[in-house]
Amino acid sequence: MAIKTPQKEEGTPAKIFYSQKVINTKSVEVLRKGVLEFNVAHNFGDIGGDNGGIRRFFGLDISTDVRIGFQLGLSDKFNLVAARTKGLSVTQQWELGIKWQLLQQMENDPQHPISLTMYVNDVVSTQKRSSFANQETSFEDFGDRHSQIIQLMLARKMGKVSFQLNPLYLHTNHVVLYDNKNIFALGGAIRIPLSKKIVILADYFHPFRSQRSVDSLGKFYDPIGIGFEIVTEGHIFHLNFTNTVDILENRFIRKTLTNWGDGEFRWAFTISRNFMLFRDKKKS
């Protein structure tokens, strides 16, 4: 008698990504109600180039950015995010955000072919105000310390491979002379499983800047990340390589000055763990 392979039932939510973040970008996924994610991300220094090499142990001697964050499922579709990020040129950053899943792809259901999630945040820096003019930290008042993003994640899983499109809008209240307060960026991400435990990830953004800002402030580069996802019973671990120095979208969309072609990319890692903080009594 032939044994039939179990098939996923129609109406089962598709698991497009296994974590809340790809490499640099957020993923389309959200936590279900009552689940709390604890997340730590760390970016090191340049592997190569003028600031890398063996004398700085290929960047491992340097910590360019660290983020410690929490994400809580207030409902199965609506999450709250809170984090503290070290930062580099703008430091002591506090983030508060919401992640809201508007659509969800369903297995074997052509009426629900995609997932769509929105992320909105506000980031404030409590760094000491610079006494020099025309610096990123030359804050005149409390409002100058803030920046905000609105990001949409549109994703679909096709077979075992997951794709995501990421349009993003960034507003920064205080910028240096000739820089853009408002920047639109378009990005994408992909997830390719090699096995049940090992996955290849990649993501990319292209920020659209005014020519005046490029001519006045110098060369900017598109953020590009490539990495591996390791899935375990209790944790999800990412080993990443990226040319972004900062972890927050509010910073690396605005200011990525390091180039893969010059060896100015770095080791980075993200590790996350989920906890059941409270249970949905109605579902129980």
Protein backbone atom coordinates (compact mmCIF):
# COMPACT_ATOMS: atom_id res chain seq x y z
CA MET A 1 0.00 0.00 0.00
CA ALA A 2 1.43 3.38 -1.04
CA ILE A 3 1.98 5.96 1.66
CA LYS A 4 0.69 9.37 0.74
CA THR A 5 2.74 12.44 1.58
CA PRO A 6 0.77 14.79 3.83
CA GLN A 7 -0.37 17.92 2.02
CA LYS A 8 -0.83 21.34 3.57
CA GLU A 9 -4.49 22.13 3.99
CA GLU A 10 -6.11 24.97 2.14
CA GLY A 11 -6.27 28.08 4.32
CA THR A 12 -3.05 27.36 6.25
CA PRO A 13 -0.96 30.55 6.63
CA ALA A 14 2.25 30.41 4.58
CA LYS A 15 5.51 30.81 6.48
CA ILE A 16 7.35 33.11 4.09
CA PHE A 17 10.23 34.04 6.43
CA TYR A 18 11.20 32.43 9.72
CA SER A 19 12.30 35.60 11.51
CA GLN A 20 11.19 39.20 11.93
CA LYS A 21 14.23 40.50 10.05
CA VAL A 22 16.02 39.39 6.89
CA ILE A 23 19.45 41.08 7.08
CA ASN A 24 19.03 44.84 6.93
CA THR A 25 15.30 44.96 6.30
CA LYS A 26 12.33 43.86 8.36
CA SER A 27 10.48 40.80 7.08
CA VAL A 28 6.78 40.50 6.31
CA GLU A 29 6.23 38.19 9.31
CA VAL A 30 4.55 39.18 12.60
CA LEU A 31 4.30 37.46 15.97
CA ARG A 32 1.03 35.94 17.12
CA LYS A 33 -0.77 37.34 20.14
CA GLY A 34 1.08 36.94 23.42
CA VAL A 35 4.49 36.10 21.92
CA LEU A 36 7.50 38.24 22.89
CA GLU A 37 10.66 38.23 20.79
CA PHE A 38 14.01 39.22 22.30
CA ASN A 39 16.46 40.22 19.58
CA VAL A 40 20.15 41.19 19.58
CA ALA A 41 21.91 42.49 16.44
CA HIS A 42 25.59 43.39 16.17
CA ASN A 43 27.61 44.97 13.34
CA PHE A 44 31.43 44.80 13.39
CA GLY A 45 34.01 46.87 11.49
CA ASP A 46 35.20 46.63 7.89
CA ILE A 47 36.64 43.27 6.86
CA GLY A 48 38.92 44.88 4.26
CA GLY A 49 39.77 48.31 2.92
CA ASP A 50 41.70 51.02 4.75
CA ASN A 51 39.94 50.34 8.07
CA GLY A 52 40.03 46.54 7.96
CA GLY A 53 42.50 43.74 7.45
CA ILE A 54 44.52 41.69 9.89
CA ARG A 55 45.59 44.66 12.05
CA ARG A 56 41.95 45.07 13.12
CA PHE A 57 41.27 41.32 12.99
CA PHE A 58 39.13 41.79 9.88
CA GLY A 59 36.73 44.10 11.71
CA LEU A 60 36.14 41.98 14.80
CA ASP A 61 38.09 44.44 16.97
CA ILE A 62 35.48 47.12 16.23
CA SER A 63 31.81 47.38 17.13
CA THR A 64 30.09 49.85 14.79
CA ASP A 65 26.54 49.26 16.04
CA VAL A 66 24.54 47.15 18.50
CA ARG A 67 20.77 46.89 18.83
CA ILE A 68 18.82 45.22 21.65
CA GLY A 69 15.11 45.01 20.94
CA PHE A 70 11.78 43.53 21.92
CA GLN A 71 8.72 42.79 19.78
CA LEU A 72 5.37 41.85 21.29
CA GLY A 73 2.30 40.41 19.61
CA LEU A 74 -0.63 42.48 20.88
CA SER A 75 -2.81 40.53 18.44
CA ASP A 76 -2.14 37.98 15.71
CA LYS A 77 -1.70 40.83 13.21
CA PHE A 78 -0.51 43.81 15.27
CA ASN A 79 2.91 43.99 17.00
CA LEU A 80 4.68 46.56 19.14
CA VAL A 81 8.45 47.11 18.79
CA ALA A 82 10.79 48.78 21.30
CA ALA A 83 14.59 48.89 21.03
CA ARG A 84 17.79 50.66 22.05
CA THR A 85 20.55 51.06 19.45
CA LYS A 86 24.11 52.25 20.01
CA GLY A 87 24.56 53.94 16.65
CA LEU A 88 27.76 55.40 15.20
CA SER A 89 27.65 59.03 14.03
CA VAL A 90 24.28 59.51 15.77
CA THR A 91 24.24 57.49 18.99
CA GLN A 92 21.98 56.59 21.91
CA GLN A 93 18.95 55.85 19.71
CA TRP A 94 15.60 54.76 21.15
CA GLU A 95 13.08 53.16 18.78
CA LEU A 96 9.34 52.69 19.15
CA GLY A 97 7.44 51.08 16.28
CA ILE A 98 4.37 49.17 15.19
CA LYS A 99 4.19 46.26 12.74
CA TRP A 100 0.80 45.51 11.22
CA GLN A 101 0.06 42.62 8.86
CA LEU A 102 -2.66 43.65 6.41
CA LEU A 103 -2.73 40.54 4.17
CA GLN A 104 -1.45 37.00 4.61
CA GLN A 105 -0.62 34.40 1.98
CA MET A 106 -2.42 31.10 2.42
CA GLU A 107 -1.21 27.67 1.29
CA ASN A 108 -3.07 26.25 -1.70
CA ASP A 109 -5.45 29.23 -1.76
CA PRO A 110 -5.24 31.39 -4.92
CA GLN A 111 -7.53 33.99 -3.32
CA HIS A 112 -4.76 34.88 -0.82
CA PRO A 113 -1.56 34.89 -2.94
CA ILE A 114 0.55 37.44 -1.02
CA SER A 115 1.38 38.81 2.41
CA LEU A 116 1.48 42.55 3.07
CA THR A 117 2.83 44.16 6.25
CA MET A 118 3.39 47.78 7.24
CA TYR A 119 6.05 48.99 9.66
CA VAL A 120 6.10 52.51 11.15
CA ASN A 121 8.59 53.78 13.72
CA ASP A 122 9.91 56.85 15.48
CA VAL A 123 13.55 57.01 16.58
CA VAL A 124 14.92 59.60 18.99
CA SER A 125 18.56 60.20 19.87
CA THR A 126 19.49 61.21 23.42
CA GLN A 127 23.10 61.92 22.42
CA LYS A 128 24.63 65.13 23.77
CA ARG A 129 24.09 68.06 21.42
CA SER A 130 27.12 69.01 19.33
CA SER A 131 28.51 72.49 19.90
CA PHE A 132 29.64 72.66 16.25
CA ALA A 133 27.35 73.93 13.51
CA ASN A 134 26.09 71.81 10.59
CA GLN A 135 26.57 68.43 12.28
CA GLU A 136 24.02 65.62 12.37
CA THR A 137 23.85 66.14 16.13
CA SER A 138 23.59 69.97 16.06
CA PHE A 139 20.12 69.68 17.57
CA GLU A 140 18.29 72.95 18.20
CA ASP A 141 15.39 71.41 20.11
CA PHE A 142 13.89 68.04 21.06
CA GLY A 143 12.08 67.72 17.73
CA ASP A 144 15.41 67.75 15.85
CA ARG A 145 16.35 64.47 17.54
CA HIS A 146 13.63 62.44 15.78
CA SER A 147 13.37 60.46 12.55
CA GLN A 148 10.56 58.27 11.20
CA ILE A 149 10.09 55.55 8.60
CA ILE A 150 7.07 54.07 6.89
CA GLN A 151 7.85 50.73 5.25
CA LEU A 152 5.72 48.26 3.34
CA MET A 153 6.74 44.62 2.93
CA LEU A 154 5.03 42.78 0.08
CA ALA A 155 6.01 39.10 -0.02
CA ARG A 156 5.20 35.76 -1.59
CA LYS A 157 6.51 32.22 -1.17
CA MET A 158 6.87 30.29 -4.42
CA GLY A 159 7.75 26.67 -3.76
CA LYS A 160 10.51 26.81 -1.17
CA VAL A 161 11.83 30.25 -2.18
CA SER A 162 10.50 33.46 -0.62
CA PHE A 163 10.54 36.90 -2.24
CA GLN A 164 9.85 40.31 -0.73
CA LEU A 165 9.52 43.86 -2.08
CA ASN A 166 10.26 46.75 0.32
CA PRO A 167 9.25 50.33 -0.52
CA LEU A 168 10.30 52.67 2.29
CA TYR A 169 9.91 56.36 3.11
CA LEU A 170 12.28 58.04 5.58
CA HIS A 171 11.87 61.48 7.18
CA THR A 172 14.60 62.99 9.36
CA ASN A 173 13.78 66.16 11.26
CA HIS A 174 17.35 67.51 11.31
CA VAL A 175 19.91 67.03 8.54
CA VAL A 176 23.14 68.74 7.52
CA LEU A 177 23.18 71.43 4.85
CA TYR A 178 22.14 70.22 1.35
CA ASP A 179 21.05 66.80 2.61
CA ASN A 180 17.50 65.48 2.04
CA LYS A 181 15.05 65.43 4.91
CA ASN A 182 12.85 63.02 2.95
CA ILE A 183 14.21 59.96 1.14
CA PHE A 184 12.29 57.26 -0.69
CA ALA A 185 13.99 53.87 -1.06
CA LEU A 186 13.01 50.70 -2.89
CA GLY A 187 14.36 47.35 -1.82
CA GLY A 188 13.91 43.62 -2.04
CA ALA A 189 14.77 40.42 -0.18
CA ILE A 190 15.03 36.71 -0.91
CA ARG A 191 15.18 33.52 1.19
CA ILE A 192 16.55 30.28 -0.32
CA PRO A 193 16.62 27.13 1.89
CA LEU A 194 19.61 24.84 1.47
CA SER A 195 18.22 22.40 4.06
CA LYS A 196 15.73 22.43 6.91
CA LYS A 197 18.23 24.20 9.16
CA ILE A 198 20.42 26.27 6.80
CA VAL A 199 19.09 29.11 4.62
CA ILE A 200 20.67 31.74 2.34
CA LEU A 201 19.32 35.28 2.75
CA ALA A 202 19.91 38.46 0.78
CA ASP A 203 18.42 41.95 0.73
CA TYR A 204 19.03 45.26 -1.02
CA PHE A 205 17.89 48.89 -0.96
CA HIS A 206 18.29 51.72 -3.46
CA PRO A 207 17.71 55.14 -1.85
CA PHE A 208 16.59 57.89 -4.24
CA ARG A 209 18.53 61.06 -3.39
CA SER A 210 18.61 64.48 -4.98
CA GLN A 211 21.59 65.17 -7.21
CA ARG A 212 22.40 68.22 -5.10
CA SER A 213 22.91 66.08 -1.98
CA VAL A 214 25.21 63.72 -3.88
CA ASP A 215 27.24 66.58 -5.38
CA SER A 216 27.55 68.34 -2.00
CA LEU A 217 28.05 65.44 0.41
CA GLY A 218 29.95 62.86 -1.63
CA LYS A 219 29.39 59.30 -2.75
CA PHE A 220 26.68 57.14 -1.17
CA TYR A 221 26.27 53.40 -1.72
CA ASP A 222 23.27 51.10 -1.86
CA PRO A 223 22.84 48.90 1.26
CA ILE A 224 23.41 45.24 0.35
CA GLY A 225 23.32 42.27 2.72
CA ILE A 226 24.05 38.56 2.22
CA GLY A 227 23.91 35.97 4.96
CA PHE A 228 23.01 32.59 6.39
CA GLU A 229 20.08 31.72 8.63
CA ILE A 230 20.49 28.85 11.09
CA VAL A 231 17.21 27.56 12.54
CA THR A 232 17.32 25.72 15.88
CA GLU A 233 14.64 24.56 18.30
CA GLY A 234 14.89 27.65 20.50
CA HIS A 235 16.72 30.32 18.50
CA ILE A 236 17.10 31.74 15.02
CA PHE A 237 20.67 32.85 14.28
CA HIS A 238 21.80 34.99 11.33
CA LEU A 239 25.43 35.30 10.24
CA ASN A 240 25.47 38.29 7.89
CA PHE A 241 27.78 40.25 5.62
CA THR A 242 26.70 43.82 4.86
CA ASN A 243 28.15 47.16 3.82
CA THR A 244 25.83 48.99 6.23
CA VAL A 245 27.48 50.39 9.33
CA ASP A 246 24.25 51.27 11.15
CA ILE A 247 21.53 48.73 11.96
CA LEU A 248 18.45 50.97 11.90
CA GLU A 249 16.78 51.77 8.58
CA ASN A 250 16.51 55.36 9.82
CA ARG A 251 20.30 55.57 9.58
CA PHE A 252 21.58 53.23 6.86
CA ILE A 253 19.06 54.39 4.26
CA ARG A 254 20.34 57.92 4.79
CA LYS A 255 24.04 57.27 5.19
CA THR A 256 25.76 54.18 3.78
CA LEU A 257 29.25 55.35 2.83
CA THR A 258 31.01 51.97 2.67
CA ASN A 259 31.41 49.98 -0.52
CA TRP A 260 31.52 46.22 -1.07
CA GLY A 261 33.97 46.70 -3.96
CA ASP A 262 36.55 48.31 -1.64
CA GLY A 263 36.29 45.57 1.00
CA GLU A 264 34.22 47.87 3.19
CA PHE A 265 31.73 45.27 4.33
CA ARG A 266 31.47 43.65 7.73
CA TRP A 267 30.57 40.61 9.73
CA ALA A 268 27.26 40.97 11.50
CA PHE A 269 24.97 38.68 13.45
CA THR A 270 21.39 38.63 14.67
CA ILE A 271 20.05 36.23 17.27
CA SER A 272 16.42 36.05 18.39
CA ARG A 273 14.42 34.05 20.90
CA ASN A 274 10.63 33.90 21.33
CA PHE A 275 8.82 33.64 24.65
CA MET A 276 5.13 33.06 25.40
CA LEU A 277 4.31 36.11 27.54
CA PHE A 278 0.57 35.54 27.79
CA ARG A 279 -2.03 33.32 26.10
CA ASP A 280 -5.13 34.24 24.17
CA LYS A 281 -7.92 33.08 26.52
CA LYS A 282 -10.47 32.92 23.70
CA LYS A 283 -8.30 30.52 21.68
CA SER A 284 -7.41 28.51 24.78
